[in-house]
Amino acid sequence: MNPLIWVGVGGAVGSVFRYVIGQWVGVREMSQFPWHTFVVNLIGCFAIGLVWALLNKNAADRSFYFFLITGVLGGFTTFSSFGLETFHLLQAKSYFTAVSYILLTNVTGVALVFIGYKISGI
């Protein structure tokens, strides 16, 4: 089957999971801290580490990678991909690149949200 179909179906599944878990956690929020996003991101990071290890150990068909990692977990949270990529950099002892990636992603991400907001004129 075409990888785009695997990614699309998986992305739909992951997005629905994100919504359901976000709603479940959000209902219980009693503070300004964004617990729903925090919980989803941590679940996604744990899941991508587990799934990636299991798929590699069992030499899984590439369709499973497309469906589970790019699709389901990508739709669930791209933070999990960020976590896995940073983990790979640390495994390769590319510490400077890992720290640069962490800092640049977070600082630039927040800055671009601010710029996007300002450009909107609202």
PDB file of N, CA and C in Angstrom:
ATOM      1  N   MET A   1       0.851  -1.170   0.000  1.00  0.00           N
ATOM      2  CA  MET A   1       0.000   0.000   0.000  1.00  0.00           C
ATOM      3  C   MET A   1       0.902   1.241   0.000  1.00  0.00           C
ATOM      4  N   ASN A   2       0.436   2.281  -0.582  1.00  0.00           N
ATOM      5  CA  ASN A   2       1.153   3.545  -0.686  1.00  0.00           C
ATOM      6  C   ASN A   2       1.437   4.122   0.714  1.00  0.00           C
ATOM      7  N   PRO A   3       2.696   4.557   0.966  1.00  0.00           N
ATOM      8  CA  PRO A   3       3.027   5.129   2.278  1.00  0.00           C
ATOM      9  C   PRO A   3       2.146   6.317   2.671  1.00  0.00           C
ATOM     10  N   LEU A   4       1.697   7.095   1.700  1.00  0.00           N
ATOM     11  CA  LEU A   4       0.835   8.240   2.011  1.00  0.00           C
ATOM     12  C   LEU A   4      -0.476   7.800   2.655  1.00  0.00           C
ATOM     13  N   ILE A   5      -0.972   6.663   2.231  1.00  0.00           N
ATOM     14  CA  ILE A   5      -2.217   6.145   2.821  1.00  0.00           C
ATOM     15  C   ILE A   5      -1.958   5.726   4.263  1.00  0.00           C
ATOM     16  N   TRP A   6      -0.841   5.006   4.494  1.00  0.00           N
ATOM     17  CA  TRP A   6      -0.494   4.605   5.864  1.00  0.00           C
ATOM     18  C   TRP A   6      -0.351   5.821   6.772  1.00  0.00           C
ATOM     19  N   VAL A   7       0.368   6.842   6.303  1.00  0.00           N
ATOM     20  CA  VAL A   7       0.578   8.056   7.094  1.00  0.00           C
ATOM     21  C   VAL A   7      -0.749   8.770   7.344  1.00  0.00           C
ATOM     22  N   GLY A   8      -1.579   8.881   6.313  1.00  0.00           N
ATOM     23  CA  GLY A   8      -2.867   9.568   6.453  1.00  0.00           C
ATOM     24  C   GLY A   8      -3.807   8.878   7.428  1.00  0.00           C
ATOM     25  N   VAL A   9      -3.925   7.572   7.312  1.00  0.00           N
ATOM     26  CA  VAL A   9      -4.796   6.821   8.221  1.00  0.00           C
ATOM     27  C   VAL A   9      -4.251   6.892   9.641  1.00  0.00           C
ATOM     28  N   GLY A  10      -2.945   6.706   9.780  1.00  0.00           N
ATOM     29  CA  GLY A  10      -2.330   6.792  11.101  1.00  0.00           C
ATOM     30  C   GLY A  10      -2.476   8.179  11.704  1.00  0.00           C
ATOM     31  N   GLY A  11      -2.301   9.209  10.877  1.00  0.00           N
ATOM     32  CA  GLY A  11      -2.445  10.587  11.355  1.00  0.00           C
ATOM     33  C   GLY A  11      -3.846  10.867  11.865  1.00  0.00           C
ATOM     34  N   ALA A  12      -4.830  10.322  11.178  1.00  0.00           N
ATOM     35  CA  ALA A  12      -6.215  10.496  11.635  1.00  0.00           C
ATOM     36  C   ALA A  12      -6.419   9.821  12.989  1.00  0.00           C
ATOM     37  N   VAL A  13      -5.894   8.623  13.140  1.00  0.00           N
ATOM     38  CA  VAL A  13      -6.012   7.898  14.406  1.00  0.00           C
ATOM     39  C   VAL A  13      -5.311   8.673  15.524  1.00  0.00           C
ATOM     40  N   GLY A  14      -4.083   9.126  15.267  1.00  0.00           N
ATOM     41  CA  GLY A  14      -3.324   9.867  16.273  1.00  0.00           C
ATOM     42  C   GLY A  14      -3.995  11.167  16.677  1.00  0.00           C
ATOM     43  N   SER A  15      -4.562  11.868  15.704  1.00  0.00           N
ATOM     44  CA  SER A  15      -5.243  13.131  16.001  1.00  0.00           C
ATOM     45  C   SER A  15      -6.468  12.916  16.869  1.00  0.00           C
ATOM     46  N   VAL A  16      -7.195  11.850  16.612  1.00  0.00           N
ATOM     47  CA  VAL A  16      -8.367  11.530  17.434  1.00  0.00           C
ATOM     48  C   VAL A  16      -7.923  11.175  18.851  1.00  0.00           C
ATOM     49  N   PHE A  17      -6.856  10.370  18.968  1.00  0.00           N
ATOM     50  CA  PHE A  17      -6.325  10.042  20.300  1.00  0.00           C
ATOM     51  C   PHE A  17      -5.924  11.301  21.045  1.00  0.00           C
ATOM     52  N   ARG A  18      -5.249  12.227  20.338  1.00  0.00           N
ATOM     53  CA  ARG A  18      -4.811  13.476  20.978  1.00  0.00           C
ATOM     54  C   ARG A  18      -6.020  14.247  21.508  1.00  0.00           C
ATOM     55  N   TYR A  19      -7.061  14.341  20.711  1.00  0.00           N
ATOM     56  CA  TYR A  19      -8.266  15.064  21.115  1.00  0.00           C
ATOM     57  C   TYR A  19      -8.900  14.411  22.341  1.00  0.00           C
ATOM     58  N   VAL A  20      -9.061  13.096  22.303  1.00  0.00           N
ATOM     59  CA  VAL A  20      -9.723  12.376  23.394  1.00  0.00           C
ATOM     60  C   VAL A  20      -8.928  12.509  24.692  1.00  0.00           C
ATOM     61  N   ILE A  21      -7.628  12.277  24.629  1.00  0.00           N
ATOM     62  CA  ILE A  21      -6.807  12.387  25.834  1.00  0.00           C
ATOM     63  C   ILE A  21      -6.752  13.835  26.315  1.00  0.00           C
ATOM     64  N   GLY A  22      -6.627  14.767  25.383  1.00  0.00           N
ATOM     65  CA  GLY A  22      -6.620  16.184  25.749  1.00  0.00           C
ATOM     66  C   GLY A  22      -7.904  16.595  26.441  1.00  0.00           C
ATOM     67  N   GLN A  23      -9.032  16.096  25.967  1.00  0.00           N
ATOM     68  CA  GLN A  23     -10.312  16.401  26.598  1.00  0.00           C
ATOM     69  C   GLN A  23     -10.401  15.776  27.978  1.00  0.00           C
ATOM     70  N   TRP A  24      -9.957  14.537  28.091  1.00  0.00           N
ATOM     71  CA  TRP A  24     -10.007  13.839  29.362  1.00  0.00           C
ATOM     72  C   TRP A  24      -9.155  14.558  30.401  1.00  0.00           C
ATOM     73  N   VAL A  25      -7.944  14.929  30.033  1.00  0.00           N
ATOM     74  CA  VAL A  25      -7.052  15.641  30.951  1.00  0.00           C
ATOM     75  C   VAL A  25      -7.560  17.056  31.189  1.00  0.00           C
ATOM     76  N   GLY A  26      -8.018  17.724  30.131  1.00  0.00           N
ATOM     77  CA  GLY A  26      -8.490  19.099  30.232  1.00  0.00           C
ATOM     78  C   GLY A  26      -9.657  19.269  31.173  1.00  0.00           C
ATOM     79  N   VAL A  27     -10.521  18.271  31.248  1.00  0.00           N
ATOM     80  CA  VAL A  27     -11.683  18.327  32.132  1.00  0.00           C
ATOM     81  C   VAL A  27     -11.227  18.377  33.584  1.00  0.00           C
ATOM     82  N   ARG A  28     -10.085  17.783  33.868  1.00  0.00           N
ATOM     83  CA  ARG A  28      -9.584  17.704  35.232  1.00  0.00           C
ATOM     84  C   ARG A  28      -8.622  18.837  35.583  1.00  0.00           C
ATOM     85  N   GLU A  29      -8.367  19.739  34.647  1.00  0.00           N
ATOM     86  CA  GLU A  29      -7.432  20.837  34.898  1.00  0.00           C
ATOM     87  C   GLU A  29      -7.985  21.809  35.929  1.00  0.00           C
ATOM     88  N   MET A  30      -7.125  22.166  36.854  1.00  0.00           N
ATOM     89  CA  MET A  30      -7.517  23.123  37.883  1.00  0.00           C
ATOM     90  C   MET A  30      -6.504  24.268  37.962  1.00  0.00           C
ATOM     91  N   SER A  31      -5.652  24.385  36.956  1.00  0.00           N
ATOM     92  CA  SER A  31      -4.636  25.433  36.983  1.00  0.00           C
ATOM     93  C   SER A  31      -4.472  26.005  35.577  1.00  0.00           C
ATOM     94  N   GLN A  32      -3.614  27.006  35.473  1.00  0.00           N
ATOM     95  CA  GLN A  32      -3.342  27.599  34.167  1.00  0.00           C
ATOM     96  C   GLN A  32      -2.319  26.799  33.387  1.00  0.00           C
ATOM     97  N   PHE A  33      -1.621  25.874  34.036  1.00  0.00           N
ATOM     98  CA  PHE A  33      -0.623  25.060  33.357  1.00  0.00           C
ATOM     99  C   PHE A  33      -1.323  24.192  32.312  1.00  0.00           C
ATOM    100  N   PRO A  34      -0.809  24.129  31.096  1.00  0.00           N
ATOM    101  CA  PRO A  34      -1.467  23.352  30.028  1.00  0.00           C
ATOM    102  C   PRO A  34      -1.226  21.848  30.173  1.00  0.00           C
ATOM    103  N   TRP A  35      -1.858  21.269  31.172  1.00  0.00           N
ATOM    104  CA  TRP A  35      -1.649  19.853  31.464  1.00  0.00           C
ATOM    105  C   TRP A  35      -2.003  18.948  30.297  1.00  0.00           C
ATOM    106  N   HIS A  36      -3.061  19.290  29.556  1.00  0.00           N
ATOM    107  CA  HIS A  36      -3.489  18.434  28.453  1.00  0.00           C
ATOM    108  C   HIS A  36      -2.372  18.273  27.423  1.00  0.00           C
ATOM    109  N   THR A  37      -1.711  19.350  27.047  1.00  0.00           N
ATOM    110  CA  THR A  37      -0.617  19.274  26.071  1.00  0.00           C
ATOM    111  C   THR A  37       0.590  18.576  26.689  1.00  0.00           C
ATOM    112  N   PHE A  38       0.888  18.895  27.933  1.00  0.00           N
ATOM    113  CA  PHE A  38       2.005  18.290  28.634  1.00  0.00           C
ATOM    114  C   PHE A  38       1.855  16.764  28.681  1.00  0.00           C
ATOM    115  N   VAL A  39       0.682  16.290  29.085  1.00  0.00           N
ATOM    116  CA  VAL A  39       0.431  14.852  29.202  1.00  0.00           C
ATOM    117  C   VAL A  39       0.502  14.175  27.828  1.00  0.00           C
ATOM    118  N   VAL A  40      -0.118  14.770  26.829  1.00  0.00           N
ATOM    119  CA  VAL A  40      -0.085  14.194  25.483  1.00  0.00           C
ATOM    120  C   VAL A  40       1.360  14.106  24.981  1.00  0.00           C
ATOM    121  N   ASN A  41       2.142  15.165  25.178  1.00  0.00           N
ATOM    122  CA  ASN A  41       3.532  15.151  24.719  1.00  0.00           C
ATOM    123  C   ASN A  41       4.355  14.082  25.425  1.00  0.00           C
ATOM    124  N   LEU A  42       4.154  13.915  26.731  1.00  0.00           N
ATOM    125  CA  LEU A  42       4.906  12.890  27.450  1.00  0.00           C
ATOM    126  C   LEU A  42       4.483  11.485  27.038  1.00  0.00           C
ATOM    127  N   ILE A  43       3.200  11.263  26.864  1.00  0.00           N
ATOM    128  CA  ILE A  43       2.732   9.956  26.384  1.00  0.00           C
ATOM    129  C   ILE A  43       3.329   9.676  25.007  1.00  0.00           C
ATOM    130  N   GLY A  44       3.316  10.688  24.143  1.00  0.00           N
ATOM    131  CA  GLY A  44       3.868  10.527  22.799  1.00  0.00           C
ATOM    132  C   GLY A  44       5.349  10.201  22.817  1.00  0.00           C
ATOM    133  N   CYS A  45       6.104  10.851  23.692  1.00  0.00           N
ATOM    134  CA  CYS A  45       7.544  10.574  23.797  1.00  0.00           C
ATOM    135  C   CYS A  45       7.790   9.154  24.274  1.00  0.00           C
ATOM    136  N   PHE A  46       7.064   8.720  25.291  1.00  0.00           N
ATOM    137  CA  PHE A  46       7.205   7.346  25.763  1.00  0.00           C
ATOM    138  C   PHE A  46       6.837   6.363  24.651  1.00  0.00           C
ATOM    139  N   ALA A  47       5.715   6.617  23.996  1.00  0.00           N
ATOM    140  CA  ALA A  47       5.229   5.707  22.962  1.00  0.00           C
ATOM    141  C   ALA A  47       6.192   5.609  21.783  1.00  0.00           C
ATOM    142  N   ILE A  48       6.769   6.739  21.351  1.00  0.00           N
ATOM    143  CA  ILE A  48       7.651   6.678  20.188  1.00  0.00           C
ATOM    144  C   ILE A  48       8.948   5.941  20.525  1.00  0.00           C
ATOM    145  N   GLY A  49       9.432   6.084  21.762  1.00  0.00           N
ATOM    146  CA  GLY A  49      10.610   5.326  22.171  1.00  0.00           C
ATOM    147  C   GLY A  49      10.342   3.838  22.173  1.00  0.00           C
ATOM    148  N   LEU A  50       9.210   3.455  22.719  1.00  0.00           N
ATOM    149  CA  LEU A  50       8.824   2.052  22.784  1.00  0.00           C
ATOM    150  C   LEU A  50       8.573   1.479  21.391  1.00  0.00           C
ATOM    151  N   VAL A  51       7.772   2.167  20.597  1.00  0.00           N
ATOM    152  CA  VAL A  51       7.419   1.684  19.258  1.00  0.00           C
ATOM    153  C   VAL A  51       8.656   1.611  18.363  1.00  0.00           C
ATOM    154  N   TRP A  52       9.485   2.649  18.394  1.00  0.00           N
ATOM    155  CA  TRP A  52      10.692   2.659  17.569  1.00  0.00           C
ATOM    156  C   TRP A  52      11.598   1.482  17.913  1.00  0.00           C
ATOM    157  N   ALA A  53      11.809   1.239  19.225  1.00  0.00           N
ATOM    158  CA  ALA A  53      12.656   0.130  19.655  1.00  0.00           C
ATOM    159  C   ALA A  53      12.084  -1.212  19.210  1.00  0.00           C
ATOM    160  N   LEU A  54      10.785  -1.398  19.409  1.00  0.00           N
ATOM    161  CA  LEU A  54      10.157  -2.671  19.030  1.00  0.00           C
ATOM    162  C   LEU A  54      10.178  -2.897  17.522  1.00  0.00           C
ATOM    163  N   LEU A  55       9.908  -1.850  16.754  1.00  0.00           N
ATOM    164  CA  LEU A  55       9.927  -2.005  15.300  1.00  0.00           C
ATOM    165  C   LEU A  55      11.332  -2.316  14.791  1.00  0.00           C
ATOM    166  N   ASN A  56      12.343  -1.661  15.367  1.00  0.00           N
ATOM    167  CA  ASN A  56      13.721  -1.930  14.952  1.00  0.00           C
ATOM    168  C   ASN A  56      14.179  -3.316  15.373  1.00  0.00           C
ATOM    169  N   LYS A  57      13.813  -3.735  16.593  1.00  0.00           N
ATOM    170  CA  LYS A  57      14.209  -5.051  17.100  1.00  0.00           C
ATOM    171  C   LYS A  57      13.634  -6.165  16.228  1.00  0.00           C
ATOM    172  N   ASN A  58      12.412  -5.969  15.789  1.00  0.00           N
ATOM    173  CA  ASN A  58      11.732  -7.003  15.015  1.00  0.00           C
ATOM    174  C   ASN A  58      11.831  -6.801  13.512  1.00  0.00           C
ATOM    175  N   ALA A  59      12.677  -5.856  13.088  1.00  0.00           N
ATOM    176  CA  ALA A  59      12.866  -5.566  11.657  1.00  0.00           C
ATOM    177  C   ALA A  59      11.515  -5.485  10.940  1.00  0.00           C
ATOM    178  N   ALA A  60      10.658  -4.653  11.454  1.00  0.00           N
ATOM    179  CA  ALA A  60       9.289  -4.527  10.939  1.00  0.00           C
ATOM    180  C   ALA A  60       9.263  -3.957   9.524  1.00  0.00           C
ATOM    181  N   ASP A  61       8.225  -4.279   8.835  1.00  0.00           N
ATOM    182  CA  ASP A  61       7.965  -3.733   7.503  1.00  0.00           C
ATOM    183  C   ASP A  61       7.864  -2.218   7.602  1.00  0.00           C
ATOM    184  N   ARG A  62       8.368  -1.505   6.599  1.00  0.00           N
ATOM    185  CA  ARG A  62       8.357  -0.038   6.598  1.00  0.00           C
ATOM    186  C   ARG A  62       6.939   0.519   6.738  1.00  0.00           C
ATOM    187  N   SER A  63       5.927  -0.223   6.341  1.00  0.00           N
ATOM    188  CA  SER A  63       4.544   0.234   6.465  1.00  0.00           C
ATOM    189  C   SER A  63       4.182   0.501   7.920  1.00  0.00           C
ATOM    190  N   PHE A  64       4.728  -0.292   8.834  1.00  0.00           N
ATOM    191  CA  PHE A  64       4.458  -0.074  10.258  1.00  0.00           C
ATOM    192  C   PHE A  64       5.070   1.239  10.738  1.00  0.00           C
ATOM    193  N   TYR A  65       6.273   1.556  10.243  1.00  0.00           N
ATOM    194  CA  TYR A  65       6.894   2.836  10.586  1.00  0.00           C
ATOM    195  C   TYR A  65       6.018   3.987  10.093  1.00  0.00           C
ATOM    196  N   PHE A  66       5.598   3.895   8.833  1.00  0.00           N
ATOM    197  CA  PHE A  66       4.764   4.959   8.269  1.00  0.00           C
ATOM    198  C   PHE A  66       3.477   5.124   9.065  1.00  0.00           C
ATOM    199  N   PHE A  67       2.835   4.009   9.382  1.00  0.00           N
ATOM    200  CA  PHE A  67       1.562   4.065  10.087  1.00  0.00           C
ATOM    201  C   PHE A  67       1.729   4.524  11.535  1.00  0.00           C
ATOM    202  N   LEU A  68       2.609   3.852  12.281  1.00  0.00           N
ATOM    203  CA  LEU A  68       2.710   4.114  13.718  1.00  0.00           C
ATOM    204  C   LEU A  68       3.519   5.354  14.072  1.00  0.00           C
ATOM    205  N   ILE A  69       4.716   5.495  13.500  1.00  0.00           N
ATOM    206  CA  ILE A  69       5.586   6.597  13.909  1.00  0.00           C
ATOM    207  C   ILE A  69       5.208   7.889  13.202  1.00  0.00           C
ATOM    208  N   THR A  70       5.204   7.872  11.874  1.00  0.00           N
ATOM    209  CA  THR A  70       4.888   9.104  11.153  1.00  0.00           C
ATOM    210  C   THR A  70       3.401   9.437  11.250  1.00  0.00           C
ATOM    211  N   GLY A  71       2.555   8.424  11.131  1.00  0.00           N
ATOM    212  CA  GLY A  71       1.111   8.644  11.143  1.00  0.00           C
ATOM    213  C   GLY A  71       0.525   8.829  12.531  1.00  0.00           C
ATOM    214  N   VAL A  72       0.389   7.723  13.278  1.00  0.00           N
ATOM    215  CA  VAL A  72      -0.287   7.784  14.581  1.00  0.00           C
ATOM    216  C   VAL A  72       0.424   8.748  15.528  1.00  0.00           C
ATOM    217  N   LEU A  73       1.726   8.527  15.741  1.00  0.00           N
ATOM    218  CA  LEU A  73       2.423   9.373  16.711  1.00  0.00           C
ATOM    219  C   LEU A  73       2.671  10.774  16.174  1.00  0.00           C
ATOM    220  N   GLY A  74       2.827  10.921  14.866  1.00  0.00           N
ATOM    221  CA  GLY A  74       2.945  12.254  14.281  1.00  0.00           C
ATOM    222  C   GLY A  74       1.654  13.036  14.404  1.00  0.00           C
ATOM    223  N   GLY A  75       0.526  12.358  14.247  1.00  0.00           N
ATOM    224  CA  GLY A  75      -0.775  13.004  14.430  1.00  0.00           C
ATOM    225  C   GLY A  75      -1.072  13.262  15.897  1.00  0.00           C
ATOM    226  N   PHE A  76      -0.550  12.393  16.749  1.00  0.00           N
ATOM    227  CA  PHE A  76      -0.760  12.532  18.191  1.00  0.00           C
ATOM    228  C   PHE A  76       0.045  13.708  18.728  1.00  0.00           C
ATOM    229  N   THR A  77       1.320  13.771  18.371  1.00  0.00           N
ATOM    230  CA  THR A  77       2.179  14.871  18.805  1.00  0.00           C
ATOM    231  C   THR A  77       3.487  14.855  18.035  1.00  0.00           C
ATOM    232  N   THR A  78       3.861  15.974  17.454  1.00  0.00           N
ATOM    233  CA  THR A  78       5.170  16.025  16.797  1.00  0.00           C
ATOM    234  C   THR A  78       6.275  16.184  17.825  1.00  0.00           C
ATOM    235  N   PHE A  79       5.917  16.482  19.055  1.00  0.00           N
ATOM    236  CA  PHE A  79       6.920  16.570  20.108  1.00  0.00           C
ATOM    237  C   PHE A  79       7.608  15.226  20.306  1.00  0.00           C
ATOM    238  N   SER A  80       6.879  14.134  20.063  1.00  0.00           N
ATOM    239  CA  SER A  80       7.488  12.814  20.186  1.00  0.00           C
ATOM    240  C   SER A  80       8.585  12.634  19.141  1.00  0.00           C
ATOM    241  N   SER A  81       8.381  13.126  17.933  1.00  0.00           N
ATOM    242  CA  SER A  81       9.416  13.066  16.904  1.00  0.00           C
ATOM    243  C   SER A  81      10.628  13.898  17.318  1.00  0.00           C
ATOM    244  N   PHE A  82      10.378  15.058  17.865  1.00  0.00           N
ATOM    245  CA  PHE A  82      11.445  15.919  18.374  1.00  0.00           C
ATOM    246  C   PHE A  82      12.240  15.177  19.453  1.00  0.00           C
ATOM    247  N   GLY A  83      11.544  14.506  20.344  1.00  0.00           N
ATOM    248  CA  GLY A  83      12.209  13.744  21.402  1.00  0.00           C
ATOM    249  C   GLY A  83      13.057  12.619  20.848  1.00  0.00           C
ATOM    250  N   LEU A  84      12.526  11.882  19.871  1.00  0.00           N
ATOM    251  CA  LEU A  84      13.261  10.771  19.267  1.00  0.00           C
ATOM    252  C   LEU A  84      14.484  11.270  18.508  1.00  0.00           C
ATOM    253  N   GLU A  85      14.326  12.343  17.755  1.00  0.00           N
ATOM    254  CA  GLU A  85      15.462  12.895  17.008  1.00  0.00           C
ATOM    255  C   GLU A  85      16.556  13.376  17.965  1.00  0.00           C
ATOM    256  N   THR A  86      16.166  14.007  19.064  1.00  0.00           N
ATOM    257  CA  THR A  86      17.140  14.463  20.056  1.00  0.00           C
ATOM    258  C   THR A  86      17.826  13.261  20.703  1.00  0.00           C
ATOM    259  N   PHE A  87      17.073  12.224  20.990  1.00  0.00           N
ATOM    260  CA  PHE A  87      17.628  10.986  21.545  1.00  0.00           C
ATOM    261  C   PHE A  87      18.673  10.402  20.600  1.00  0.00           C
ATOM    262  N   HIS A  88      18.363  10.359  19.310  1.00  0.00           N
ATOM    263  CA  HIS A  88      19.328   9.840  18.326  1.00  0.00           C
ATOM    264  C   HIS A  88      20.605  10.673  18.319  1.00  0.00           C
ATOM    265  N   LEU A  89      20.471  11.994  18.396  1.00  0.00           N
ATOM    266  CA  LEU A  89      21.658  12.858  18.439  1.00  0.00           C
ATOM    267  C   LEU A  89      22.488  12.568  19.698  1.00  0.00           C
ATOM    268  N   LEU A  90      21.827  12.378  20.830  1.00  0.00           N
ATOM    269  CA  LEU A  90      22.547  12.069  22.064  1.00  0.00           C
ATOM    270  C   LEU A  90      23.213  10.697  21.993  1.00  0.00           C
ATOM    271  N   GLN A  91      22.523   9.725  21.401  1.00  0.00           N
ATOM    272  CA  GLN A  91      23.114   8.395  21.217  1.00  0.00           C
ATOM    273  C   GLN A  91      24.383   8.473  20.373  1.00  0.00           C
ATOM    274  N   ALA A  92      24.358   9.340  19.371  1.00  0.00           N
ATOM    275  CA  ALA A  92      25.507   9.503  18.476  1.00  0.00           C
ATOM    276  C   ALA A  92      26.583  10.403  19.097  1.00  0.00           C
ATOM    277  N   LYS A  93      26.356  10.806  20.352  1.00  0.00           N
ATOM    278  CA  LYS A  93      27.277  11.698  21.071  1.00  0.00           C
ATOM    279  C   LYS A  93      27.456  13.049  20.378  1.00  0.00           C
ATOM    280  N   SER A  94      26.419  13.466  19.676  1.00  0.00           N
ATOM    281  CA  SER A  94      26.397  14.778  19.027  1.00  0.00           C
ATOM    282  C   SER A  94      25.757  15.761  20.002  1.00  0.00           C
ATOM    283  N   TYR A  95      26.428  15.990  21.107  1.00  0.00           N
ATOM    284  CA  TYR A  95      25.861  16.775  22.198  1.00  0.00           C
ATOM    285  C   TYR A  95      25.592  18.229  21.810  1.00  0.00           C
ATOM    286  N   PHE A  96      26.536  18.827  21.119  1.00  0.00           N
ATOM    287  CA  PHE A  96      26.345  20.218  20.701  1.00  0.00           C
ATOM    288  C   PHE A  96      25.134  20.339  19.784  1.00  0.00           C
ATOM    289  N   THR A  97      25.019  19.415  18.830  1.00  0.00           N
ATOM    290  CA  THR A  97      23.883  19.443  17.909  1.00  0.00           C
ATOM    291  C   THR A  97      22.575  19.206  18.659  1.00  0.00           C
ATOM    292  N   ALA A  98      22.587  18.290  19.620  1.00  0.00           N
ATOM    293  CA  ALA A  98      21.375  17.999  20.398  1.00  0.00           C
ATOM    294  C   ALA A  98      20.927  19.226  21.196  1.00  0.00           C
ATOM    295  N   VAL A  99      21.853  19.846  21.895  1.00  0.00           N
ATOM    296  CA  VAL A  99      21.510  21.032  22.692  1.00  0.00           C
ATOM    297  C   VAL A  99      21.075  22.172  21.778  1.00  0.00           C
ATOM    298  N   SER A 100      21.768  22.340  20.652  1.00  0.00           N
ATOM    299  CA  SER A 100      21.389  23.382  19.687  1.00  0.00           C
ATOM    300  C   SER A 100      19.980  23.144  19.169  1.00  0.00           C
ATOM    301  N   TYR A 101      19.681  21.892  18.854  1.00  0.00           N
ATOM    302  CA  TYR A 101      18.359  21.531  18.345  1.00  0.00           C
ATOM    303  C   TYR A 101      17.277  21.841  19.383  1.00  0.00           C
ATOM    304  N   ILE A 102      17.534  21.476  20.630  1.00  0.00           N
ATOM    305  CA  ILE A 102      16.571  21.736  21.705  1.00  0.00           C
ATOM    306  C   ILE A 102      16.325  23.238  21.854  1.00  0.00           C
ATOM    307  N   LEU A 103      17.401  23.988  21.965  1.00  0.00           N
ATOM    308  CA  LEU A 103      17.272  25.432  22.172  1.00  0.00           C
ATOM    309  C   LEU A 103      16.663  26.134  20.966  1.00  0.00           C
ATOM    310  N   LEU A 104      17.172  25.812  19.778  1.00  0.00           N
ATOM    311  CA  LEU A 104      16.659  26.474  18.570  1.00  0.00           C
ATOM    312  C   LEU A 104      15.188  26.153  18.335  1.00  0.00           C
ATOM    313  N   THR A 105      14.806  24.902  18.534  1.00  0.00           N
ATOM    314  CA  THR A 105      13.412  24.510  18.314  1.00  0.00           C
ATOM    315  C   THR A 105      12.484  25.254  19.267  1.00  0.00           C
ATOM    316  N   ASN A 106      12.835  25.295  20.520  1.00  0.00           N
ATOM    317  CA  ASN A 106      11.953  25.911  21.515  1.00  0.00           C
ATOM    318  C   ASN A 106      11.944  27.426  21.423  1.00  0.00           C
ATOM    319  N   VAL A 107      13.111  28.035  21.372  1.00  0.00           N
ATOM    320  CA  VAL A 107      13.173  29.495  21.324  1.00  0.00           C
ATOM    321  C   VAL A 107      12.587  30.009  20.011  1.00  0.00           C
ATOM    322  N   THR A 108      12.983  29.403  18.898  1.00  0.00           N
ATOM    323  CA  THR A 108      12.479  29.840  17.597  1.00  0.00           C
ATOM    324  C   THR A 108      10.979  29.570  17.472  1.00  0.00           C
ATOM    325  N   GLY A 109      10.540  28.425  17.993  1.00  0.00           N
ATOM    326  CA  GLY A 109       9.112  28.104  17.941  1.00  0.00           C
ATOM    327  C   GLY A 109       8.256  29.137  18.647  1.00  0.00           C
ATOM    328  N   VAL A 110       8.644  29.489  19.858  1.00  0.00           N
ATOM    329  CA  VAL A 110       7.887  30.489  20.605  1.00  0.00           C
ATOM    330  C   VAL A 110       7.976  31.851  19.915  1.00  0.00           C
ATOM    331  N   ALA A 111       9.149  32.191  19.405  1.00  0.00           N
ATOM    332  CA  ALA A 111       9.315  33.471  18.704  1.00  0.00           C
ATOM    333  C   ALA A 111       8.413  33.533  17.468  1.00  0.00           C
ATOM    334  N   LEU A 112       8.324  32.435  16.727  1.00  0.00           N
ATOM    335  CA  LEU A 112       7.485  32.420  15.524  1.00  0.00           C
ATOM    336  C   LEU A 112       6.000  32.479  15.856  1.00  0.00           C
ATOM    337  N   VAL A 113       5.604  31.892  16.971  1.00  0.00           N
ATOM    338  CA  VAL A 113       4.207  32.053  17.414  1.00  0.00           C
ATOM    339  C   VAL A 113       3.945  33.530  17.667  1.00  0.00           C
ATOM    340  N   PHE A 114       4.842  34.202  18.362  1.00  0.00           N
ATOM    341  CA  PHE A 114       4.711  35.623  18.649  1.00  0.00           C
ATOM    342  C   PHE A 114       4.658  36.442  17.358  1.00  0.00           C
ATOM    343  N   ILE A 115       5.568  36.160  16.413  1.00  0.00           N
ATOM    344  CA  ILE A 115       5.599  36.890  15.139  1.00  0.00           C
ATOM    345  C   ILE A 115       4.316  36.653  14.353  1.00  0.00           C
ATOM    346  N   GLY A 116       3.872  35.407  14.289  1.00  0.00           N
ATOM    347  CA  GLY A 116       2.622  35.096  13.605  1.00  0.00           C
ATOM    348  C   GLY A 116       1.448  35.837  14.197  1.00  0.00           C
ATOM    349  N   TYR A 117       1.408  35.893  15.524  1.00  0.00           N
ATOM    350  CA  TYR A 117       0.347  36.617  16.210  1.00  0.00           C
ATOM    351  C   TYR A 117       0.401  38.102  15.874  1.00  0.00           C
ATOM    352  N   LYS A 118       1.593  38.689  15.927  1.00  0.00           N
ATOM    353  CA  LYS A 118       1.748  40.118  15.649  1.00  0.00           C
ATOM    354  C   LYS A 118       1.391  40.448  14.196  1.00  0.00           C
ATOM    355  N   ILE A 119       1.776  39.592  13.266  1.00  0.00           N
ATOM    356  CA  ILE A 119       1.488  39.816  11.850  1.00  0.00           C
ATOM    357  C   ILE A 119      -0.023  39.770  11.583  1.00  0.00           C
ATOM    358  N   SER A 120      -0.751  39.001  12.387  1.00  0.00           N
ATOM    359  CA  SER A 120      -2.187  38.860  12.164  1.00  0.00           C
ATOM    360  C   SER A 120      -2.925  40.173  12.355  1.00  0.00           C
ATOM    361  N   GLY A 121      -2.353  41.101  13.108  1.00  0.00           N
ATOM    362  CA  GLY A 121      -2.985  42.392  13.329  1.00  0.00           C
ATOM    363  C   GLY A 121      -4.081  42.362  14.381  1.00  0.00           C
ATOM    364  N   ILE A 122      -4.254  41.273  15.041  1.00  0.00           N
ATOM    365  CA  ILE A 122      -5.303  41.155  16.071  1.00  0.00           C
ATOM    366  C   ILE A 122      -4.816  41.768  17.376  1.00  0.00           C
TER     367      ILE A 122
END
